[in-house]
Amino acid sequence: MVLTKIQVNAIWYATKDLVDPGHPVEARRAGYDLLAACVKHPNSSDMDRREYFNTLVEKVSPEDFHLQLAALIELCKHGKDLSGFRWEIIELLCKWVKVVFEAAEKARKSSKSSPKSQPSREEMNFNELIDFVINVIKFNLNVFDDDATAKL
């Protein structure tokens, strides 16, 4: 069953509050999964996409960052489509790289005392974020000026 744009927007508005950090982790996870599904709708306008972007980046919770990033990657089609928020994403990604790098560095330092078996969630977040930043740059070189690209 293919949903209409109106149905997708209704699901979006009914779901977006689930990602609030005050909700239980299961509700937030379900909320991000539903939002990630909504952003895949092919007939979203630039205004819809801006609303999706603003909602996805509004409330940052370190424990939900991987869900938030996954939904944003879906919205951006892995960096290929930034319509509706092209310039806002540069500032966001610059801020996120700094914050996520610091969290990964802190996790790395605290795990040095224990045997390393797998990367921490923070390190995985950082790696995924850097992959996304690379894709955003790669697919949007013709859109961004040199200063914007240099920031990233």
Protein backbone atom coordinates (compact mmCIF):
# COMPACT_ATOMS: atom_id res chain seq x y z
CA MET A 1 0.00 0.00 0.00
CA VAL A 2 1.39 3.36 -1.03
CA LEU A 3 0.55 6.22 1.29
CA THR A 4 -0.36 9.67 0.06
CA LYS A 5 1.60 12.75 1.04
CA ILE A 6 -1.26 13.78 3.35
CA GLN A 7 -1.19 10.41 5.10
CA VAL A 8 2.59 10.56 5.52
CA ASN A 9 2.36 14.06 6.97
CA ALA A 10 -0.37 12.91 9.38
CA ILE A 11 1.88 10.07 10.55
CA TRP A 12 4.78 12.51 10.87
CA TYR A 13 2.86 14.94 13.07
CA ALA A 14 1.41 12.11 15.18
CA THR A 15 4.85 10.52 15.62
CA LYS A 16 7.32 13.37 16.01
CA ASP A 17 6.67 13.78 19.75
CA LEU A 18 7.72 10.18 20.38
CA VAL A 19 11.37 11.12 19.95
CA ASP A 20 11.28 13.49 22.90
CA PRO A 21 14.06 12.51 25.35
CA GLY A 22 11.47 12.20 28.14
CA HIS A 23 9.88 9.15 26.55
CA PRO A 24 11.05 5.57 27.21
CA VAL A 25 13.80 4.29 24.92
CA GLU A 26 11.41 1.89 23.14
CA ALA A 27 9.05 4.74 22.25
CA ARG A 28 11.91 6.91 20.99
CA ARG A 29 13.28 4.06 18.90
CA ALA A 30 9.85 3.42 17.38
CA GLY A 31 9.44 7.16 16.79
CA TYR A 32 12.72 7.46 14.92
CA ASP A 33 11.92 4.35 12.88
CA LEU A 34 8.56 5.84 11.86
CA LEU A 35 10.11 9.23 11.08
CA ALA A 36 12.82 7.55 9.00
CA ALA A 37 10.09 5.76 7.05
CA CYS A 38 8.17 9.02 6.52
CA VAL A 39 11.16 10.86 5.06
CA LYS A 40 11.44 8.27 2.31
CA HIS A 41 8.15 9.43 0.74
CA PRO A 42 9.01 10.50 -2.80
CA ASN A 43 6.52 13.39 -3.10
CA SER A 44 7.67 15.53 -0.18
CA SER A 45 7.94 19.23 -0.96
CA ASP A 46 10.91 21.35 0.08
CA MET A 47 8.72 22.74 2.86
CA ASP A 48 7.94 19.21 4.08
CA ARG A 49 11.62 18.30 3.94
CA ARG A 50 12.55 21.40 5.94
CA GLU A 51 9.98 20.41 8.58
CA TYR A 52 11.40 16.88 8.66
CA PHE A 53 14.94 18.25 8.99
CA ASN A 54 14.00 20.66 11.78
CA THR A 55 12.23 17.94 13.72
CA LEU A 56 15.09 15.46 13.34
CA VAL A 57 17.74 17.90 14.54
CA GLU A 58 15.72 19.75 17.17
CA LYS A 59 16.25 17.47 20.16
CA VAL A 60 19.66 15.87 20.41
CA SER A 61 20.02 13.10 22.94
CA PRO A 62 23.41 11.35 23.06
CA GLU A 63 21.81 7.95 23.57
CA ASP A 64 19.56 8.44 20.52
CA PHE A 65 22.12 10.06 18.24
CA HIS A 66 22.55 6.94 16.09
CA LEU A 67 18.78 6.85 15.47
CA GLN A 68 18.67 10.55 14.74
CA LEU A 69 21.61 10.31 12.35
CA ALA A 70 20.09 7.30 10.57
CA ALA A 71 16.84 9.21 10.01
CA LEU A 72 18.74 12.26 8.74
CA ILE A 73 20.78 10.09 6.37
CA GLU A 74 17.52 8.68 5.00
CA LEU A 75 16.09 12.19 4.58
CA CYS A 76 19.22 13.25 2.69
CA LYS A 77 19.26 10.07 0.61
CA HIS A 78 22.78 9.43 1.90
CA GLY A 79 23.89 12.97 1.07
CA LYS A 80 22.42 13.15 -2.43
CA ASP A 81 19.38 15.33 -1.69
CA LEU A 82 19.57 18.36 0.60
CA SER A 83 16.61 20.22 -0.86
CA GLY A 84 14.77 22.27 1.71
CA PHE A 85 17.72 22.65 4.11
CA ARG A 86 20.86 22.83 1.97
CA TRP A 87 22.61 25.59 3.92
CA GLU A 88 21.38 24.63 7.39
CA ILE A 89 22.98 21.22 7.14
CA ILE A 90 26.49 22.67 6.90
CA GLU A 91 26.25 24.35 10.29
CA LEU A 92 24.58 21.30 11.80
CA LEU A 93 27.22 18.89 10.54
CA CYS A 94 30.05 21.15 11.72
CA LYS A 95 28.50 21.24 15.19
CA TRP A 96 27.78 17.50 15.24
CA VAL A 97 31.30 16.56 14.13
CA LYS A 98 32.76 18.49 17.03
CA VAL A 99 30.34 17.11 19.64
CA VAL A 100 30.45 13.53 18.39
CA PHE A 101 34.25 13.59 18.07
CA GLU A 102 34.57 14.76 21.67
CA ALA A 103 32.20 11.99 22.83
CA ALA A 104 34.16 9.37 20.86
CA GLU A 105 37.45 10.67 22.23
CA LYS A 106 36.12 10.54 25.78
CA ALA A 107 34.83 6.98 25.25
CA ARG A 108 38.17 5.95 23.75
CA LYS A 109 40.08 7.33 26.73
CA SER A 110 37.81 5.62 29.25
CA SER A 111 38.03 2.28 27.44
CA LYS A 112 41.84 2.24 27.35
CA SER A 113 41.89 0.65 30.80
CA SER A 114 39.76 -2.29 29.64
CA PRO A 115 40.50 -4.79 26.85
CA LYS A 116 39.20 -3.51 23.55
CA SER A 117 36.75 -5.87 21.92
CA GLN A 118 34.44 -3.65 19.89
CA PRO A 119 34.24 0.06 19.15
CA SER A 120 32.01 2.05 21.47
CA ARG A 121 28.65 3.42 20.35
CA GLU A 122 30.30 6.87 20.32
CA GLU A 123 33.07 5.70 17.99
CA MET A 124 30.55 4.06 15.68
CA ASN A 125 28.49 7.29 15.70
CA PHE A 126 31.58 9.28 14.76
CA ASN A 127 32.53 6.92 11.93
CA GLU A 128 28.99 6.96 10.54
CA LEU A 129 28.82 10.75 10.80
CA ILE A 130 32.14 11.18 8.97
CA ASP A 131 30.96 8.84 6.20
CA PHE A 132 27.83 10.96 5.90
CA VAL A 133 29.80 14.23 5.81
CA ILE A 134 31.99 12.80 3.04
CA ASN A 135 28.89 11.89 1.03
CA VAL A 136 27.33 15.31 1.58
CA ILE A 137 30.49 16.96 0.26
CA LYS A 138 30.91 14.51 -2.61
CA PHE A 139 27.35 14.83 -3.88
CA ASN A 140 27.04 18.60 -3.36
CA LEU A 141 30.32 20.08 -4.56
CA ASN A 142 28.44 21.88 -7.31
CA VAL A 143 26.09 23.46 -4.74
CA PHE A 144 28.41 24.52 -1.92
CA ASP A 145 30.95 27.27 -2.28
CA ASP A 146 34.57 26.76 -1.22
CA ASP A 147 34.00 28.29 2.22
CA ALA A 148 31.12 25.93 3.00
CA THR A 149 33.09 22.92 1.84
CA ALA A 150 36.11 24.03 3.85
CA LYS A 151 33.97 24.28 6.98
CA LEU A 152 32.96 20.66 6.58
